[in-house]
Amino acid sequence: MAVNKIVNSTNMAIEIQTSVDKAGDPVFTKKTFSNVRNNADAQAIYDVAEAIKGVLSPTTRGTLLNVSSDLVNN
């Protein structure tokens, strides 16, 4: 039997510095962008994230891609 992966949703998140803790280390939170096309090219998603980073905050960290999928046994 073959197992297939069915992508349900894709979200992109950008880590943005919101403050500094008592030790002086940066504190980051995630800003999530939903409804990314499931078949979107990784380079295109990255390029959009970089453009958004330029507008959001001077201090950003990573770009994350969260894909939710179901595994179906056929």
PDB file of N, CA and C in Angstrom:
ATOM      1  N   MET A   1       0.836  -1.186   0.000  1.00  0.00           N
ATOM      2  CA  MET A   1       0.000   0.000   0.000  1.00  0.00           C
ATOM      3  C   MET A   1       0.879   1.246   0.000  1.00  0.00           C
ATOM      4  N   ALA A   2       0.456   2.223  -0.743  1.00  0.00           N
ATOM      5  CA  ALA A   2       1.208   3.469  -0.836  1.00  0.00           C
ATOM      6  C   ALA A   2       0.600   4.517   0.092  1.00  0.00           C
ATOM      7  N   VAL A   3       1.468   5.257   0.716  1.00  0.00           N
ATOM      8  CA  VAL A   3       1.040   6.358   1.584  1.00  0.00           C
ATOM      9  C   VAL A   3       1.274   7.663   0.834  1.00  0.00           C
ATOM     10  N   ASN A   4       0.264   8.509   0.811  1.00  0.00           N
ATOM     11  CA  ASN A   4       0.364   9.810   0.151  1.00  0.00           C
ATOM     12  C   ASN A   4       0.277  10.928   1.176  1.00  0.00           C
ATOM     13  N   LYS A   5       1.012  11.985   0.907  1.00  0.00           N
ATOM     14  CA  LYS A   5       0.961  13.182   1.749  1.00  0.00           C
ATOM     15  C   LYS A   5       0.085  14.215   1.060  1.00  0.00           C
ATOM     16  N   ILE A   6      -0.901  14.713   1.797  1.00  0.00           N
ATOM     17  CA  ILE A   6      -1.792  15.748   1.273  1.00  0.00           C
ATOM     18  C   ILE A   6      -1.585  17.008   2.107  1.00  0.00           C
ATOM     19  N   VAL A   7      -1.083  18.056   1.469  1.00  0.00           N
ATOM     20  CA  VAL A   7      -0.815  19.314   2.169  1.00  0.00           C
ATOM     21  C   VAL A   7      -2.134  20.046   2.398  1.00  0.00           C
ATOM     22  N   ASN A   8      -2.400  20.384   3.667  1.00  0.00           N
ATOM     23  CA  ASN A   8      -3.629  21.090   4.030  1.00  0.00           C
ATOM     24  C   ASN A   8      -3.456  22.600   4.026  1.00  0.00           C
ATOM     25  N   SER A   9      -2.367  23.066   4.629  1.00  0.00           N
ATOM     26  CA  SER A   9      -2.152  24.511   4.726  1.00  0.00           C
ATOM     27  C   SER A   9      -0.671  24.808   4.876  1.00  0.00           C
ATOM     28  N   THR A  10      -0.304  26.020   4.479  1.00  0.00           N
ATOM     29  CA  THR A  10       1.072  26.485   4.593  1.00  0.00           C
ATOM     30  C   THR A  10       1.054  27.886   5.180  1.00  0.00           C
ATOM     31  N   ASN A  11       1.889  28.108   6.201  1.00  0.00           N
ATOM     32  CA  ASN A  11       2.018  29.413   6.848  1.00  0.00           C
ATOM     33  C   ASN A  11       3.483  29.808   6.878  1.00  0.00           C
ATOM     34  N   MET A  12       3.736  31.096   6.779  1.00  0.00           N
ATOM     35  CA  MET A  12       5.087  31.626   6.902  1.00  0.00           C
ATOM     36  C   MET A  12       5.145  32.450   8.182  1.00  0.00           C
ATOM     37  N   ALA A  13       6.245  32.341   8.912  1.00  0.00           N
ATOM     38  CA  ALA A  13       6.420  33.134  10.126  1.00  0.00           C
ATOM     39  C   ALA A  13       7.781  33.817  10.081  1.00  0.00           C
ATOM     40  N   ILE A  14       7.818  35.033  10.610  1.00  0.00           N
ATOM     41  CA  ILE A  14       9.058  35.804  10.712  1.00  0.00           C
ATOM     42  C   ILE A  14       9.281  36.123  12.178  1.00  0.00           C
ATOM     43  N   GLU A  15      10.495  35.880  12.657  1.00  0.00           N
ATOM     44  CA  GLU A  15      10.834  36.199  14.042  1.00  0.00           C
ATOM     45  C   GLU A  15      11.247  37.665  14.129  1.00  0.00           C
ATOM     46  N   ILE A  16      10.574  38.406  15.025  1.00  0.00           N
ATOM     47  CA  ILE A  16      10.792  39.841  15.173  1.00  0.00           C
ATOM     48  C   ILE A  16      11.189  40.138  16.609  1.00  0.00           C
ATOM     49  N   GLN A  17      12.239  40.943  16.789  1.00  0.00           N
ATOM     50  CA  GLN A  17      12.643  41.321  18.143  1.00  0.00           C
ATOM     51  C   GLN A  17      11.629  42.301  18.711  1.00  0.00           C
ATOM     52  N   THR A  18      11.113  41.966  19.905  1.00  0.00           N
ATOM     53  CA  THR A  18      10.112  42.820  20.540  1.00  0.00           C
ATOM     54  C   THR A  18      10.651  43.554  21.753  1.00  0.00           C
ATOM     55  N   SER A  19      11.698  43.011  22.372  1.00  0.00           N
ATOM     56  CA  SER A  19      12.249  43.650  23.565  1.00  0.00           C
ATOM     57  C   SER A  19      13.597  43.027  23.893  1.00  0.00           C
ATOM     58  N   VAL A  20      14.104  43.410  25.055  1.00  0.00           N
ATOM     59  CA  VAL A  20      15.354  42.866  25.577  1.00  0.00           C
ATOM     60  C   VAL A  20      15.080  42.404  26.997  1.00  0.00           C
ATOM     61  N   ASP A  21      15.595  41.215  27.363  1.00  0.00           N
ATOM     62  CA  ASP A  21      15.351  40.720  28.718  1.00  0.00           C
ATOM     63  C   ASP A  21      16.321  41.348  29.716  1.00  0.00           C
ATOM     64  N   LYS A  22      16.214  40.948  30.983  1.00  0.00           N
ATOM     65  CA  LYS A  22      17.039  41.535  32.047  1.00  0.00           C
ATOM     66  C   LYS A  22      18.525  41.310  31.834  1.00  0.00           C
ATOM     67  N   ALA A  23      18.873  40.225  31.155  1.00  0.00           N
ATOM     68  CA  ALA A  23      20.277  39.920  30.885  1.00  0.00           C
ATOM     69  C   ALA A  23      20.801  40.660  29.657  1.00  0.00           C
ATOM     70  N   GLY A  24      19.925  41.389  28.985  1.00  0.00           N
ATOM     71  CA  GLY A  24      20.333  42.134  27.802  1.00  0.00           C
ATOM     72  C   GLY A  24      20.211  41.357  26.506  1.00  0.00           C
ATOM     73  N   ASP A  25      19.638  40.154  26.588  1.00  0.00           N
ATOM     74  CA  ASP A  25      19.457  39.334  25.394  1.00  0.00           C
ATOM     75  C   ASP A  25      18.159  39.719  24.679  1.00  0.00           C
ATOM     76  N   PRO A  26      18.162  39.689  23.360  1.00  0.00           N
ATOM     77  CA  PRO A  26      16.947  40.047  22.631  1.00  0.00           C
ATOM     78  C   PRO A  26      15.841  39.012  22.838  1.00  0.00           C
ATOM     79  N   VAL A  27      14.600  39.492  22.874  1.00  0.00           N
ATOM     80  CA  VAL A  27      13.421  38.634  22.975  1.00  0.00           C
ATOM     81  C   VAL A  27      12.689  38.718  21.638  1.00  0.00           C
ATOM     82  N   PHE A  28      12.418  37.553  21.054  1.00  0.00           N
ATOM     83  CA  PHE A  28      11.775  37.494  19.741  1.00  0.00           C
ATOM     84  C   PHE A  28      10.384  36.882  19.848  1.00  0.00           C
ATOM     85  N   THR A  29       9.476  37.353  19.016  1.00  0.00           N
ATOM     86  CA  THR A  29       8.161  36.736  18.842  1.00  0.00           C
ATOM     87  C   THR A  29       7.996  36.448  17.355  1.00  0.00           C
ATOM     88  N   LYS A  30       6.998  35.650  17.041  1.00  0.00           N
ATOM     89  CA  LYS A  30       6.753  35.294  15.645  1.00  0.00           C
ATOM     90  C   LYS A  30       5.527  36.025  15.117  1.00  0.00           C
ATOM     91  N   LYS A  31       5.672  36.575  13.944  1.00  0.00           N
ATOM     92  CA  LYS A  31       4.550  37.161  13.201  1.00  0.00           C
ATOM     93  C   LYS A  31       4.226  36.161  12.095  1.00  0.00           C
ATOM     94  N   THR A  32       3.002  35.623  12.131  1.00  0.00           N
ATOM     95  CA  THR A  32       2.614  34.564  11.199  1.00  0.00           C
ATOM     96  C   THR A  32       1.741  35.110  10.077  1.00  0.00           C
ATOM     97  N   PHE A  33       2.018  34.655   8.881  1.00  0.00           N
ATOM     98  CA  PHE A  33       1.252  35.006   7.692  1.00  0.00           C
ATOM     99  C   PHE A  33       0.617  33.725   7.162  1.00  0.00           C
ATOM    100  N   SER A  34      -0.705  33.664   7.234  1.00  0.00           N
ATOM    101  CA  SER A  34      -1.445  32.463   6.834  1.00  0.00           C
ATOM    102  C   SER A  34      -1.770  32.483   5.349  1.00  0.00           C
ATOM    103  N   ASN A  35      -2.301  31.371   4.904  1.00  0.00           N
ATOM    104  CA  ASN A  35      -2.807  31.221   3.534  1.00  0.00           C
ATOM    105  C   ASN A  35      -1.737  31.363   2.460  1.00  0.00           C
ATOM    106  N   VAL A  36      -0.528  30.900   2.764  1.00  0.00           N
ATOM    107  CA  VAL A  36       0.501  30.821   1.730  1.00  0.00           C
ATOM    108  C   VAL A  36       0.086  29.687   0.793  1.00  0.00           C
ATOM    109  N   ARG A  37       0.217  29.893  -0.490  1.00  0.00           N
ATOM    110  CA  ARG A  37      -0.158  28.839  -1.442  1.00  0.00           C
ATOM    111  C   ARG A  37       0.660  27.583  -1.165  1.00  0.00           C
ATOM    112  N   ASN A  38      -0.010  26.450  -1.145  1.00  0.00           N
ATOM    113  CA  ASN A  38       0.653  25.184  -0.835  1.00  0.00           C
ATOM    114  C   ASN A  38       1.723  24.817  -1.855  1.00  0.00           C
ATOM    115  N   ASN A  39       1.599  25.288  -3.068  1.00  0.00           N
ATOM    116  CA  ASN A  39       2.575  24.966  -4.111  1.00  0.00           C
ATOM    117  C   ASN A  39       3.547  26.118  -4.377  1.00  0.00           C
ATOM    118  N   ALA A  40       3.613  27.093  -3.485  1.00  0.00           N
ATOM    119  CA  ALA A  40       4.495  28.254  -3.685  1.00  0.00           C
ATOM    120  C   ALA A  40       5.957  27.826  -3.646  1.00  0.00           C
ATOM    121  N   ASP A  41       6.752  28.432  -4.504  1.00  0.00           N
ATOM    122  CA  ASP A  41       8.183  28.159  -4.587  1.00  0.00           C
ATOM    123  C   ASP A  41       8.891  28.701  -3.349  1.00  0.00           C
ATOM    124  N   ALA A  42       9.824  27.924  -2.797  1.00  0.00           N
ATOM    125  CA  ALA A  42      10.540  28.322  -1.582  1.00  0.00           C
ATOM    126  C   ALA A  42      11.282  29.646  -1.771  1.00  0.00           C
ATOM    127  N   GLN A  43      11.887  29.858  -2.923  1.00  0.00           N
ATOM    128  CA  GLN A  43      12.609  31.108  -3.179  1.00  0.00           C
ATOM    129  C   GLN A  43      11.660  32.294  -3.188  1.00  0.00           C
ATOM    130  N   ALA A  44      10.479  32.117  -3.761  1.00  0.00           N
ATOM    131  CA  ALA A  44       9.492  33.197  -3.793  1.00  0.00           C
ATOM    132  C   ALA A  44       9.016  33.541  -2.385  1.00  0.00           C
ATOM    133  N   ILE A  45       8.797  32.529  -1.564  1.00  0.00           N
ATOM    134  CA  ILE A  45       8.383  32.763  -0.177  1.00  0.00           C
ATOM    135  C   ILE A  45       9.478  33.512   0.569  1.00  0.00           C
ATOM    136  N   TYR A  46      10.718  33.097   0.374  1.00  0.00           N
ATOM    137  CA  TYR A  46      11.848  33.756   1.027  1.00  0.00           C
ATOM    138  C   TYR A  46      11.955  35.217   0.590  1.00  0.00           C
ATOM    139  N   ASP A  47      11.801  35.475  -0.695  1.00  0.00           N
ATOM    140  CA  ASP A  47      11.890  36.842  -1.207  1.00  0.00           C
ATOM    141  C   ASP A  47      10.810  37.733  -0.602  1.00  0.00           C
ATOM    142  N   VAL A  48       9.595  37.208  -0.487  1.00  0.00           N
ATOM    143  CA  VAL A  48       8.506  37.967   0.134  1.00  0.00           C
ATOM    144  C   VAL A  48       8.824  38.225   1.601  1.00  0.00           C
ATOM    145  N   ALA A  49       9.339  37.218   2.295  1.00  0.00           N
ATOM    146  CA  ALA A  49       9.692  37.380   3.711  1.00  0.00           C
ATOM    147  C   ALA A  49      10.752  38.460   3.889  1.00  0.00           C
ATOM    148  N   GLU A  50      11.737  38.484   3.021  1.00  0.00           N
ATOM    149  CA  GLU A  50      12.787  39.500   3.112  1.00  0.00           C
ATOM    150  C   GLU A  50      12.214  40.897   2.889  1.00  0.00           C
ATOM    151  N   ALA A  51      11.280  41.031   1.967  1.00  0.00           N
ATOM    152  CA  ALA A  51      10.642  42.330   1.731  1.00  0.00           C
ATOM    153  C   ALA A  51       9.828  42.759   2.949  1.00  0.00           C
ATOM    154  N   ILE A  52       9.120  41.823   3.556  1.00  0.00           N
ATOM    155  CA  ILE A  52       8.329  42.130   4.754  1.00  0.00           C
ATOM    156  C   ILE A  52       9.244  42.508   5.910  1.00  0.00           C
ATOM    157  N   LYS A  53      10.368  41.812   6.052  1.00  0.00           N
ATOM    158  CA  LYS A  53      11.320  42.123   7.128  1.00  0.00           C
ATOM    159  C   LYS A  53      11.792  43.567   7.044  1.00  0.00           C
ATOM    160  N   GLY A  54      11.972  44.060   5.844  1.00  0.00           N
ATOM    161  CA  GLY A  54      12.423  45.432   5.668  1.00  0.00           C
ATOM    162  C   GLY A  54      11.420  46.463   6.149  1.00  0.00           C
ATOM    163  N   VAL A  55      10.159  46.093   6.209  1.00  0.00           N
ATOM    164  CA  VAL A  55       9.101  47.007   6.631  1.00  0.00           C
ATOM    165  C   VAL A  55       8.779  46.855   8.117  1.00  0.00           C
ATOM    166  N   LEU A  56       8.838  45.627   8.634  1.00  0.00           N
ATOM    167  CA  LEU A  56       8.371  45.347   9.993  1.00  0.00           C
ATOM    168  C   LEU A  56       9.239  45.926  11.098  1.00  0.00           C
ATOM    169  N   SER A  57      10.513  45.620  11.083  1.00  0.00           N
ATOM    170  CA  SER A  57      11.356  45.953  12.223  1.00  0.00           C
ATOM    171  C   SER A  57      12.813  45.938  11.793  1.00  0.00           C
ATOM    172  N   PRO A  58      13.636  46.759  12.427  1.00  0.00           N
ATOM    173  CA  PRO A  58      15.056  46.728  12.076  1.00  0.00           C
ATOM    174  C   PRO A  58      15.740  45.439  12.532  1.00  0.00           C
ATOM    175  N   THR A  59      15.170  44.765  13.538  1.00  0.00           N
ATOM    176  CA  THR A  59      15.798  43.551  14.042  1.00  0.00           C
ATOM    177  C   THR A  59      14.855  42.365  13.865  1.00  0.00           C
ATOM    178  N   THR A  60      15.166  41.543  12.871  1.00  0.00           N
ATOM    179  CA  THR A  60      14.439  40.303  12.655  1.00  0.00           C
ATOM    180  C   THR A  60      15.454  39.176  12.637  1.00  0.00           C
ATOM    181  N   ARG A  61      14.952  37.974  12.793  1.00  0.00           N
ATOM    182  CA  ARG A  61      15.854  36.829  12.837  1.00  0.00           C
ATOM    183  C   ARG A  61      15.494  35.875  11.710  1.00  0.00           C
ATOM    184  N   GLY A  62      14.859  34.792  11.997  1.00  0.00           N
ATOM    185  CA  GLY A  62      14.618  33.758  11.000  1.00  0.00           C
ATOM    186  C   GLY A  62      13.295  33.868  10.281  1.00  0.00           C
ATOM    187  N   THR A  63      13.221  33.128   9.185  1.00  0.00           N
ATOM    188  CA  THR A  63      11.978  32.938   8.449  1.00  0.00           C
ATOM    189  C   THR A  63      11.634  31.465   8.541  1.00  0.00           C
ATOM    190  N   LEU A  64      10.399  31.173   8.941  1.00  0.00           N
ATOM    191  CA  LEU A  64       9.967  29.794   9.126  1.00  0.00           C
ATOM    192  C   LEU A  64       8.817  29.484   8.184  1.00  0.00           C
ATOM    193  N   LEU A  65       8.773  28.255   7.709  1.00  0.00           N
ATOM    194  CA  LEU A  65       7.681  27.801   6.861  1.00  0.00           C
ATOM    195  C   LEU A  65       7.047  26.599   7.543  1.00  0.00           C
ATOM    196  N   ASN A  66       5.774  26.721   7.890  1.00  0.00           N
ATOM    197  CA  ASN A  66       5.042  25.654   8.564  1.00  0.00           C
ATOM    198  C   ASN A  66       4.044  25.046   7.587  1.00  0.00           C
ATOM    199  N   VAL A  67       4.200  23.747   7.346  1.00  0.00           N
ATOM    200  CA  VAL A  67       3.322  23.039   6.421  1.00  0.00           C
ATOM    201  C   VAL A  67       2.566  21.975   7.203  1.00  0.00           C
ATOM    202  N   SER A  68       1.246  22.017   7.121  1.00  0.00           N
ATOM    203  CA  SER A  68       0.391  21.026   7.771  1.00  0.00           C
ATOM    204  C   SER A  68      -0.087  20.041   6.714  1.00  0.00           C
ATOM    205  N   SER A  69       0.142  18.748   6.975  1.00  0.00           N
ATOM    206  CA  SER A  69      -0.211  17.721   5.996  1.00  0.00           C
ATOM    207  C   SER A  69      -0.917  16.552   6.658  1.00  0.00           C
ATOM    208  N   ASP A  70      -1.673  15.828   5.863  1.00  0.00           N
ATOM    209  CA  ASP A  70      -2.264  14.554   6.273  1.00  0.00           C
ATOM    210  C   ASP A  70      -1.559  13.446   5.510  1.00  0.00           C
ATOM    211  N   LEU A  71      -1.358  12.316   6.185  1.00  0.00           N
ATOM    212  CA  LEU A  71      -0.847  11.127   5.517  1.00  0.00           C
ATOM    213  C   LEU A  71      -2.018  10.183   5.306  1.00  0.00           C
ATOM    214  N   VAL A  72      -2.214   9.768   4.056  1.00  0.00           N
ATOM    215  CA  VAL A  72      -3.353   8.929   3.703  1.00  0.00           C
ATOM    216  C   VAL A  72      -2.833   7.617   3.134  1.00  0.00           C
ATOM    217  N   ASN A  73      -3.314   6.519   3.691  1.00  0.00           N
ATOM    218  CA  ASN A  73      -2.932   5.198   3.217  1.00  0.00           C
ATOM    219  C   ASN A  73      -3.908   4.766   2.134  1.00  0.00           C
ATOM    220  N   ASN A  74      -3.399   4.605   0.928  1.00  0.00           N
ATOM    221  CA  ASN A  74      -4.265   4.210  -0.201  1.00  0.00           C
ATOM    222  C   ASN A  74      -4.192   2.723  -0.433  1.00  0.00           C
TER     223      ASN A  74
END
